[in-house]
Every structure is written in C-alpha cells, then in structure tokens.
Amino acid sequence: MSTEPAPIQPVVIPYPALLANDSSLPSLVQRGFDSSPDALGLVIVSDLPPEFPQLRKRLLLLSNAFASLPEDVREKYAHAQSNYAFGWSHGKEVMNGKPDTLKGSYYNNPKQDVTPGLHEGDDPVANIWPNEKGVEGYEEAFKELCQLMVRVGELVGAACDQFVGKTASSKSVEQLVRESRASKARLLHYFPRDDAAFSLPPSSSVVDEPLDTSAVDDSWCGTHIDHSLLTVLCPSLYLFHPAPTSTSSSAPLDPLVIPAPSRSTGLFIKTRGGRVVQASIPEDCVAIQTGETVELLTSNRLSATPHFVNATAATLGSRALRAIEQKKAEDPEGWGRVESGKVSRETLAVFLQPNHDEVVSADGETFGDFTARVFKRHYSEAK
C-alpha cells in the first residue's frame, strides 16, 4: 500500500536571531538552501518588526489601485529603454514561450533612486514613480517596505557566508548584497483571469478539497528561477473584486481582502529532490529563496529555486466565502447585493543583486553580462 511522502516544512529563522548573529544561523540557513533532496531552497523569517503588517498592506493595496488605472495611464510609466526593468511592465515578458499578460509589474531600485547602467558608458536609470489620483503615497510605501525587506536579505546573506565557502567573486554574498547599487524590487499585480468569475454559494455548503500538487496550474506565473543572488518575498494579498450589480446605482464597491481563494492557490516551489511543494508565507513573515546568480557564484553548490504561482480554483474555498459573507452582513445595502466577482493577487519580490561589474561565475562573466542574457531569455524581440 503506497503512502504519501511526509510533508516538508520550511526552515523558520526569527528576525532577532539574525540581528544577534545567533550561533544557530549557519545550520538553519544550510538546511534551507543546501542541495539535499528535502531542501526547499527557501527559508521563512519570522518575528519581524511590528510595523511590517501595515507596511505590507498599504503597499499591496496601492499595487491594485495602480493596476486598476486605465491602460493608457499605466503605460505612461513604462520604460522600454531599460527593457521594462523600471516602472510599469505588462505583457512584455515571455513565460513558457508566450507573452505574460496575466500579471503586471512595477519595478524600481529598492535601495536608491538612480541605478548605474548595465555596462560602462551606459546611461544611469532613475526610478519611475506614478503621479496619479488614487495612488498617492506610492513612492513612500514602496521605499519603506523595501527598506525592511532589504535589511532582512542582507542578514540572511551574511548567514550564508558562514557555510558557502569560496566563491567565484573575491567578495562574500553579504558584501555583494550590501554594496550593491543594482538590486531590484518588483511589485506584482496578478490580474483576475477572464474565465474565473466566482459565484458565492453559502460557505457552509462548500467542502474544501485537499491539496493536490498534480493538478496545479502555473498560468498565473510560469515555472522559472530568479536571476538574483537572493530573493526576499512578501506574503501575497488576495482581493475579491465584486461584479457590478444591475440593481445598484451607487459607486463601485472597493475590493475586499480575503484569504487565498483555495488551498491550492499561491506560490509553489520544486525541492532539490524534485517534489512540488506549496510555499505558504505567514502574513507576518517574509521568505528568502536562492537565485541563479548565487548558483553561478558558488559553482552550483547552491542551486536556484524553481517556482511558480498556481491559479487553479474552480470555486472559492470556505474561508474566502466566510470573509465575503461577513462583509455582506456588515453592508447589506452595498455588498448585500453582490452575487459574484473575481480575485486578484498582490505581492512584492525584492531581488538582491550584485553590482553590474561584479564577477559572478568561474569563467569571469559579470552580473551585467549575465543580466543581458536573462533579458534575452525573458523578453520578446518585438517591442
């Protein structure tokens, strides 16, 4: 009789332990990032400063607000000259061989407002910030959350150095992260799928299906690896967007924050041993995963983490439905008439990258040259 393999739990590191450089850190980071079959290539950092939850919610709601602006307004903030690596990007990146239109991204440097060019002689690029009604405070919210996430990543990088050993660079992982002027933050809005309008049956009538990793769907974000040294991931936020009702003459309703639409919705990663595992990040934590640059830097002693975002959800789960039912009870005149709606996903990824002139591989390739290769891999020739 076959049995399901035991679940793999992520390594959890308290933020105070990182600040104190606790003696347990090398062992914990190694368990999360090494090449053993059960290693996830991801660790969770808990016990963050108390302002983190509010910083997260503020920025992720602004992410949805910007993505809800008219397309011609959003496109004012696109930057083709940087291969859409600054400002707004939608439908330009190629995933699984086709343009990725299911998510929109807002890119900027999380540490400073001007980034040096990829190669010597290239013009520097300045961060691009929206100036539109409805997204006031966007720049401040972006910078404040990123500042905290960068600090977490620097501390994890320092812990990595204690077991990584010699790298292709003369500098440590922590040095490359701390000295970098080229890191990148990506604020992500996953648009509701056109065919994914959800009806609202009573939550009591819904039986949540168990997680089935064989039925996952990576259409929200195709399977890929990041090209950073380390990636700091903010827990995602889901928004239910009510469909307009024919009987309502009032203004459109604001979207509602809900739990994940189903047990299978969200981030999945592939372990070093090839298992597909859901990577749930608690709302008061962040996650760190390894990127392709650290794989090059360590000659594959640390591997990049393959991951994707699963969008499968034929119906809303009971937790999401209960949140909507509570809102309907609180606002019978507005939400009480809502019969269906769609779901978007908001999150933030901070890619900790070395400076463009840093050597990142044994054959002498710089991060700037490597980045140029990655752009060719992910973006179509026709702009």
Protein backbone atom coordinates (compact mmCIF):
# COMPACT_ATOMS: atom_id res chain seq x y z
CA MET A 1 0.00 0.00 0.00
CA SER A 2 1.50 3.32 -1.10
CA THR A 3 1.63 6.26 1.26
CA GLU A 4 2.03 9.96 0.68
CA PRO A 5 5.53 11.27 1.47
CA ALA A 6 5.85 13.25 4.67
CA PRO A 7 5.26 16.99 4.22
CA ILE A 8 8.35 19.19 4.04
CA GLN A 9 8.29 22.07 6.48
CA PRO A 10 10.26 25.24 5.74
CA VAL A 11 13.11 26.34 7.97
CA VAL A 12 11.97 29.27 10.15
CA ILE A 13 14.51 31.84 11.39
CA PRO A 14 13.46 34.54 13.90
CA TYR A 15 14.49 38.05 12.87
CA PRO A 16 16.03 38.75 16.32
CA ALA A 17 18.34 35.74 15.78
CA LEU A 18 19.55 37.33 12.54
CA LEU A 19 20.18 40.64 14.27
CA ALA A 20 22.12 38.89 17.06
CA ASN A 21 24.10 36.69 14.64
CA ASP A 22 22.95 33.68 16.65
CA SER A 23 25.18 30.61 16.55
CA SER A 24 22.31 28.52 15.13
CA LEU A 25 22.13 30.54 11.88
CA PRO A 26 24.65 28.67 9.69
CA SER A 27 22.94 25.35 10.39
CA LEU A 28 19.45 26.75 9.77
CA VAL A 29 20.38 28.51 6.53
CA GLN A 30 22.22 25.44 5.27
CA ARG A 31 19.17 23.25 5.91
CA GLY A 32 17.05 25.62 3.85
CA PHE A 33 19.43 26.25 0.96
CA ASP A 34 21.76 23.27 0.51
CA SER A 35 21.44 20.52 -2.13
CA SER A 36 19.90 17.77 -0.02
CA PRO A 37 16.72 16.25 -1.53
CA ASP A 38 14.35 17.78 1.02
CA ALA A 39 15.86 21.29 0.93
CA LEU A 40 13.29 23.81 -0.27
CA GLY A 41 15.72 26.50 -1.38
CA LEU A 42 13.63 28.79 0.81
CA VAL A 43 13.59 29.94 4.45
CA ILE A 44 10.96 31.86 6.40
CA VAL A 45 11.94 34.84 8.57
CA SER A 46 9.54 35.38 11.48
CA ASP A 47 9.19 37.88 14.35
CA LEU A 48 9.61 40.92 12.12
CA PRO A 49 9.32 44.49 13.43
CA PRO A 50 5.73 45.33 14.44
CA GLU A 51 5.26 47.85 11.61
CA PHE A 52 5.67 45.17 8.91
CA PRO A 53 1.98 44.10 8.57
CA GLN A 54 0.79 47.67 7.99
CA LEU A 55 3.64 48.45 5.57
CA ARG A 56 2.73 45.32 3.61
CA LYS A 57 -0.99 46.03 3.44
CA ARG A 58 -0.52 49.68 2.48
CA LEU A 59 1.74 48.94 -0.49
CA LEU A 60 -0.17 45.91 -1.78
CA LEU A 61 -3.44 47.84 -1.82
CA LEU A 62 -1.66 50.57 -3.80
CA SER A 63 -0.44 47.89 -6.21
CA ASN A 64 -4.05 47.02 -7.03
CA ALA A 65 -5.00 50.71 -7.23
CA PHE A 66 -2.32 51.38 -9.84
CA ALA A 67 -3.19 48.27 -11.86
CA SER A 68 -6.84 49.44 -11.88
CA LEU A 69 -5.96 52.69 -13.66
CA PRO A 70 -6.77 52.90 -17.40
CA GLU A 71 -4.22 51.14 -19.60
CA ASP A 72 -3.08 54.34 -21.32
CA VAL A 73 -2.35 55.89 -17.91
CA ARG A 74 -0.37 52.85 -16.74
CA GLU A 75 1.67 52.82 -19.94
CA LYS A 76 2.90 56.36 -19.23
CA TYR A 77 5.11 54.74 -16.61
CA ALA A 78 6.62 52.01 -18.85
CA HIS A 79 10.33 52.31 -19.74
CA ALA A 80 11.22 50.48 -22.95
CA GLN A 81 14.80 51.81 -22.88
CA SER A 82 15.58 49.60 -19.86
CA ASN A 83 13.83 46.54 -21.30
CA TYR A 84 10.93 47.44 -18.98
CA ALA A 85 13.17 46.86 -15.95
CA PHE A 86 11.94 50.14 -14.39
CA GLY A 87 8.41 51.38 -13.94
CA TRP A 88 5.37 49.54 -15.28
CA SER A 89 5.58 46.36 -17.37
CA HIS A 90 2.63 44.36 -18.68
CA GLY A 91 2.64 41.81 -21.50
CA LYS A 92 6.31 42.37 -22.34
CA GLU A 93 7.87 39.44 -20.52
CA VAL A 94 7.82 35.98 -22.11
CA MET A 95 6.96 32.98 -19.93
CA ASN A 96 6.64 29.44 -21.26
CA GLY A 97 7.15 30.77 -24.79
CA LYS A 98 4.37 33.37 -24.84
CA PRO A 99 3.81 36.96 -23.62
CA ASP A 100 2.81 37.05 -19.97
CA THR A 101 -0.39 39.10 -19.78
CA LEU A 102 -1.80 37.71 -16.53
CA LYS A 103 0.42 39.81 -14.31
CA GLY A 104 1.61 43.40 -14.28
CA SER A 105 4.83 44.51 -12.61
CA TYR A 106 6.15 47.76 -11.21
CA TYR A 107 9.95 47.71 -11.00
CA ASN A 108 12.31 50.07 -9.18
CA ASN A 109 15.60 50.01 -7.30
CA PRO A 110 14.72 49.33 -3.62
CA LYS A 111 17.87 50.97 -2.21
CA GLN A 112 18.43 54.16 -4.21
CA ASP A 113 16.72 56.29 -6.84
CA VAL A 114 19.40 56.09 -9.56
CA THR A 115 20.88 52.82 -10.89
CA PRO A 116 24.13 52.67 -12.92
CA GLY A 117 23.86 51.34 -16.48
CA LEU A 118 24.47 47.66 -17.23
CA HIS A 119 27.83 48.35 -18.88
CA GLU A 120 30.49 51.03 -18.68
CA GLY A 121 29.34 54.06 -20.66
CA ASP A 122 25.64 53.21 -20.37
CA ASP A 123 23.42 55.95 -19.01
CA PRO A 124 22.15 55.52 -15.45
CA VAL A 125 18.42 54.93 -14.97
CA ALA A 126 16.28 56.74 -12.41
CA ASN A 127 13.38 55.16 -10.56
CA ILE A 128 9.97 55.99 -12.01
CA TRP A 129 7.14 56.89 -9.64
CA PRO A 130 3.45 57.31 -10.52
CA ASN A 131 1.79 60.67 -10.02
CA GLU A 132 -1.91 59.88 -10.38
CA LYS A 133 -5.04 60.35 -8.34
CA GLY A 134 -5.79 57.24 -6.34
CA VAL A 135 -2.17 56.13 -5.81
CA GLU A 136 -0.97 58.89 -3.53
CA GLY A 137 1.87 57.76 -1.26
CA TYR A 138 3.03 55.06 -3.70
CA GLU A 139 6.72 56.04 -3.61
CA GLU A 140 6.88 56.29 0.18
CA ALA A 141 5.05 52.98 0.69
CA PHE A 142 7.32 51.23 -1.84
CA LYS A 143 10.52 52.51 -0.24
CA GLU A 144 9.56 51.84 3.38
CA LEU A 145 8.58 48.20 2.84
CA CYS A 146 11.58 47.56 0.58
CA GLN A 147 13.99 49.02 3.13
CA LEU A 148 12.92 46.46 5.72
CA MET A 149 13.00 43.56 3.25
CA VAL A 150 16.48 44.52 2.01
CA ARG A 151 17.75 44.52 5.60
CA VAL A 152 16.39 41.01 6.15
CA GLY A 153 18.08 39.83 2.96
CA GLU A 154 21.43 41.32 3.94
CA LEU A 155 21.31 39.47 7.25
CA VAL A 156 20.46 36.16 5.57
CA GLY A 157 23.28 36.75 3.07
CA ALA A 158 25.70 37.14 5.97
CA ALA A 159 24.48 33.84 7.42
CA CYS A 160 25.03 32.14 4.04
CA ASP A 161 28.69 33.16 4.02
CA GLN A 162 29.45 31.00 7.03
CA PHE A 163 28.90 27.78 5.07
CA VAL A 164 29.17 28.69 1.36
CA GLY A 165 32.98 28.82 1.30
CA LYS A 166 34.99 30.21 -1.61
CA THR A 167 33.00 31.78 -4.45
CA ALA A 168 33.76 32.98 -7.98
CA SER A 169 33.99 36.52 -6.57
CA SER A 170 36.56 37.98 -4.21
CA LYS A 171 33.61 39.19 -2.13
CA SER A 172 31.17 37.41 0.16
CA VAL A 173 27.45 37.08 -0.55
CA GLU A 174 26.75 39.60 2.19
CA GLN A 175 29.25 42.09 0.71
CA LEU A 176 27.78 41.74 -2.77
CA VAL A 177 24.28 42.42 -1.41
CA ARG A 178 25.25 45.25 0.95
CA GLU A 179 27.43 47.13 -1.58
CA SER A 180 25.02 46.73 -4.46
CA ARG A 181 23.58 49.70 -6.34
CA ALA A 182 21.70 47.39 -8.72
CA SER A 183 19.12 45.49 -6.67
CA LYS A 184 15.57 45.46 -7.98
CA ALA A 185 12.13 45.36 -6.39
CA ARG A 186 9.12 44.06 -8.31
CA LEU A 187 5.64 44.94 -7.12
CA LEU A 188 3.30 42.40 -8.72
CA HIS A 189 -0.40 42.52 -9.59
CA TYR A 190 -1.89 39.24 -10.86
CA PHE A 191 -4.92 40.18 -12.92
CA PRO A 192 -8.12 38.16 -12.48
CA ARG A 193 -8.42 35.57 -15.23
CA ASP A 194 -11.20 36.35 -17.71
CA ASP A 195 -12.77 32.93 -17.20
CA ALA A 196 -12.51 32.98 -13.40
CA ALA A 197 -15.64 34.73 -12.13
CA PHE A 198 -16.67 33.13 -8.86
CA SER A 199 -20.24 32.66 -7.67
CA LEU A 200 -20.97 32.86 -3.94
CA PRO A 201 -22.64 29.75 -2.56
CA PRO A 202 -23.07 29.52 1.24
CA SER A 203 -19.74 28.76 2.87
CA SER A 204 -21.42 26.00 4.86
CA SER A 205 -22.15 24.14 1.63
CA VAL A 206 -18.52 24.09 0.47
CA VAL A 207 -16.19 21.22 1.26
CA ASP A 208 -12.59 22.31 0.73
CA GLU A 209 -10.69 19.89 -1.47
CA PRO A 210 -7.35 18.60 -0.16
CA LEU A 211 -4.23 19.97 -1.82
CA ASP A 212 -3.38 18.03 -4.99
CA THR A 213 0.01 19.08 -6.38
CA SER A 214 -0.57 17.01 -9.54
CA ALA A 215 -3.37 19.40 -10.59
CA VAL A 216 -1.55 22.70 -10.17
CA ASP A 217 -1.62 25.29 -12.96
CA ASP A 218 1.22 27.76 -13.47
CA SER A 219 -0.66 30.11 -15.81
CA TRP A 220 -0.60 32.97 -13.25
CA CYS A 221 3.22 32.79 -13.26
CA GLY A 222 5.12 30.14 -15.22
CA THR A 223 7.78 27.94 -13.68
CA HIS A 224 11.08 29.84 -13.55
CA ILE A 225 14.13 30.70 -11.47
CA ASP A 226 15.07 34.22 -10.37
CA HIS A 227 18.37 35.63 -11.59
CA SER A 228 19.19 37.35 -8.28
CA LEU A 229 21.56 36.28 -5.53
CA LEU A 230 18.67 36.07 -3.07
CA THR A 231 15.01 36.99 -3.41
CA VAL A 232 13.02 38.36 -0.47
CA LEU A 233 9.31 37.55 -0.83
CA CYS A 234 6.44 39.37 0.81
CA PRO A 235 3.36 37.25 1.65
CA SER A 236 0.72 37.74 -1.01
CA LEU A 237 -2.58 39.54 -0.53
CA TYR A 238 -5.78 38.43 -2.30
CA LEU A 239 -8.56 40.83 -3.26
CA PHE A 240 -12.13 39.91 -4.19
CA HIS A 241 -13.47 42.34 -6.80
CA PRO A 242 -17.31 42.26 -6.73
CA ALA A 243 -19.07 42.17 -10.07
CA PRO A 244 -21.34 45.19 -10.70
CA THR A 245 -24.99 44.53 -9.89
CA SER A 246 -27.81 45.61 -12.18
CA THR A 247 -29.89 46.86 -9.24
CA SER A 248 -27.20 49.11 -7.74
CA SER A 249 -26.93 52.77 -8.71
CA SER A 250 -24.24 53.60 -6.16
CA ALA A 251 -20.49 53.95 -6.77
CA PRO A 252 -18.47 50.75 -7.42
CA LEU A 253 -17.52 48.85 -4.30
CA ASP A 254 -13.90 48.66 -3.18
CA PRO A 255 -12.28 45.22 -3.38
CA LEU A 256 -12.22 43.12 -0.22
CA VAL A 257 -9.14 41.46 1.28
CA ILE A 258 -9.83 37.72 1.55
CA PRO A 259 -7.88 34.56 2.40
CA ALA A 260 -6.43 32.60 -0.53
CA PRO A 261 -9.24 31.54 -2.91
CA SER A 262 -8.44 27.87 -2.41
CA ARG A 263 -5.96 25.63 -0.64
CA SER A 264 -4.03 25.20 -3.89
CA THR A 265 -3.75 28.89 -4.81
CA GLY A 266 -0.37 30.53 -4.35
CA LEU A 267 3.38 30.00 -4.56
CA PHE A 268 4.82 26.56 -5.25
CA ILE A 269 8.46 25.54 -5.42
CA LYS A 270 10.34 22.45 -6.57
CA THR A 271 12.63 20.92 -3.97
CA ARG A 272 16.19 19.81 -4.67
CA GLY A 273 14.77 16.27 -4.86
CA GLY A 274 12.14 17.24 -7.44
CA ARG A 275 8.99 17.36 -5.27
CA VAL A 276 6.46 20.13 -5.86
CA VAL A 277 5.68 21.81 -2.53
CA GLN A 278 3.40 24.70 -1.62
CA ALA A 279 5.35 27.56 -0.05
CA SER A 280 2.94 29.29 2.32
CA ILE A 281 4.33 32.50 3.83
CA PRO A 282 2.53 33.65 7.00
CA GLU A 283 1.19 37.21 6.81
CA ASP A 284 3.64 38.46 9.45
CA CYS A 285 6.73 36.87 7.87
CA VAL A 286 8.85 37.09 4.74
CA ALA A 287 10.55 34.31 2.78
CA ILE A 288 14.03 34.20 1.22
CA GLN A 289 14.87 31.98 -1.74
CA THR A 290 18.01 31.44 -3.80
CA GLY A 291 18.52 32.82 -7.31
CA GLU A 292 20.56 31.90 -10.37
CA THR A 293 23.39 34.34 -9.59
CA VAL A 294 24.21 32.59 -6.32
CA GLU A 295 24.18 29.31 -8.28
CA LEU A 296 26.82 30.72 -10.66
CA LEU A 297 28.77 32.32 -7.82
CA THR A 298 29.06 29.03 -5.90
CA SER A 299 29.61 26.80 -8.97
CA ASN A 300 26.25 25.09 -8.31
CA ARG A 301 26.93 24.36 -4.62
CA LEU A 302 23.79 26.41 -4.02
CA SER A 303 21.10 25.93 -6.66
CA ALA A 304 18.46 28.42 -7.77
CA THR A 305 14.92 27.65 -6.62
CA PRO A 306 12.38 26.76 -9.36
CA HIS A 307 8.96 28.19 -8.50
CA PHE A 308 5.60 29.20 -9.95
CA VAL A 309 2.24 30.65 -8.91
CA ASN A 310 -0.77 28.33 -9.05
CA ALA A 311 -4.06 29.85 -10.19
CA THR A 312 -6.33 26.81 -10.05
CA ALA A 313 -9.57 27.42 -8.18
CA ALA A 314 -12.85 26.26 -9.71
CA THR A 315 -14.74 27.65 -6.72
CA LEU A 316 -13.91 29.84 -3.75
CA GLY A 317 -12.93 27.99 -0.60
CA SER A 318 -14.92 28.21 2.62
CA ARG A 319 -12.55 30.69 4.32
CA ALA A 320 -12.77 33.15 1.43
CA LEU A 321 -16.56 32.77 1.30
CA ARG A 322 -16.91 33.41 5.03
CA ALA A 323 -14.94 36.67 4.68
CA ILE A 324 -17.30 37.79 1.90
CA GLU A 325 -20.39 36.74 3.88
CA GLN A 326 -19.22 38.78 6.84
CA LYS A 327 -18.80 41.83 4.59
CA LYS A 328 -22.27 41.30 3.10
CA ALA A 329 -23.75 41.20 6.61
CA GLU A 330 -21.93 44.41 7.59
CA ASP A 331 -23.02 46.26 4.44
CA PRO A 332 -26.41 44.88 3.27
CA GLU A 333 -27.16 47.93 1.09
CA GLY A 334 -23.93 47.64 -0.91
CA TRP A 335 -22.27 44.25 -0.56
CA GLY A 336 -25.54 42.54 0.26
CA ARG A 337 -26.41 42.59 -3.44
CA VAL A 338 -23.12 41.08 -4.62
CA GLU A 339 -23.57 37.71 -6.31
CA SER A 340 -20.19 37.08 -7.94
CA GLY A 341 -16.74 38.52 -8.52
CA LYS A 342 -13.12 37.91 -9.45
CA VAL A 343 -9.89 37.63 -7.49
CA SER A 344 -6.55 39.39 -7.95
CA ARG A 345 -3.26 38.68 -6.18
CA GLU A 346 -0.76 41.29 -4.99
CA THR A 347 2.79 40.71 -3.78
CA LEU A 348 6.29 42.18 -3.67
CA ALA A 349 9.59 40.49 -4.52
CA VAL A 350 12.92 42.18 -3.74
CA PHE A 351 15.75 40.79 -5.87
CA LEU A 352 19.10 41.28 -4.13
CA GLN A 353 21.63 41.54 -6.93
CA PRO A 354 25.34 42.45 -7.14
CA ASN A 355 26.66 45.48 -8.98
CA HIS A 356 26.79 45.06 -12.74
CA ASP A 357 30.60 44.92 -12.87
CA GLU A 358 30.95 42.19 -10.24
CA VAL A 359 32.22 38.83 -11.48
CA VAL A 360 29.66 36.12 -10.74
CA SER A 361 30.98 32.98 -12.47
CA ALA A 362 34.18 30.98 -12.74
CA ASP A 363 34.61 31.99 -16.39
CA GLY A 364 34.69 35.69 -15.49
CA GLU A 365 31.18 36.69 -16.57
CA THR A 366 29.96 39.86 -14.86
CA PHE A 367 26.50 40.33 -13.46
CA GLY A 368 25.81 42.92 -16.18
CA ASP A 369 26.60 40.42 -18.93
CA PHE A 370 24.58 37.75 -17.17
CA THR A 371 21.62 40.12 -16.82
CA ALA A 372 21.75 40.87 -20.55
CA ARG A 373 21.49 37.12 -21.20
CA VAL A 374 18.49 36.86 -18.89
CA PHE A 375 16.70 39.75 -20.64
CA LYS A 376 17.08 37.94 -23.96
CA ARG A 377 15.62 34.82 -22.38
CA HIS A 378 12.55 36.51 -20.90
CA TYR A 379 11.61 39.28 -23.31
CA SER A 380 10.45 39.10 -26.90
CA GLU A 381 12.46 40.83 -29.64
CA ALA A 382 9.48 42.86 -30.86
CA LYS A 383 8.66 45.72 -28.54
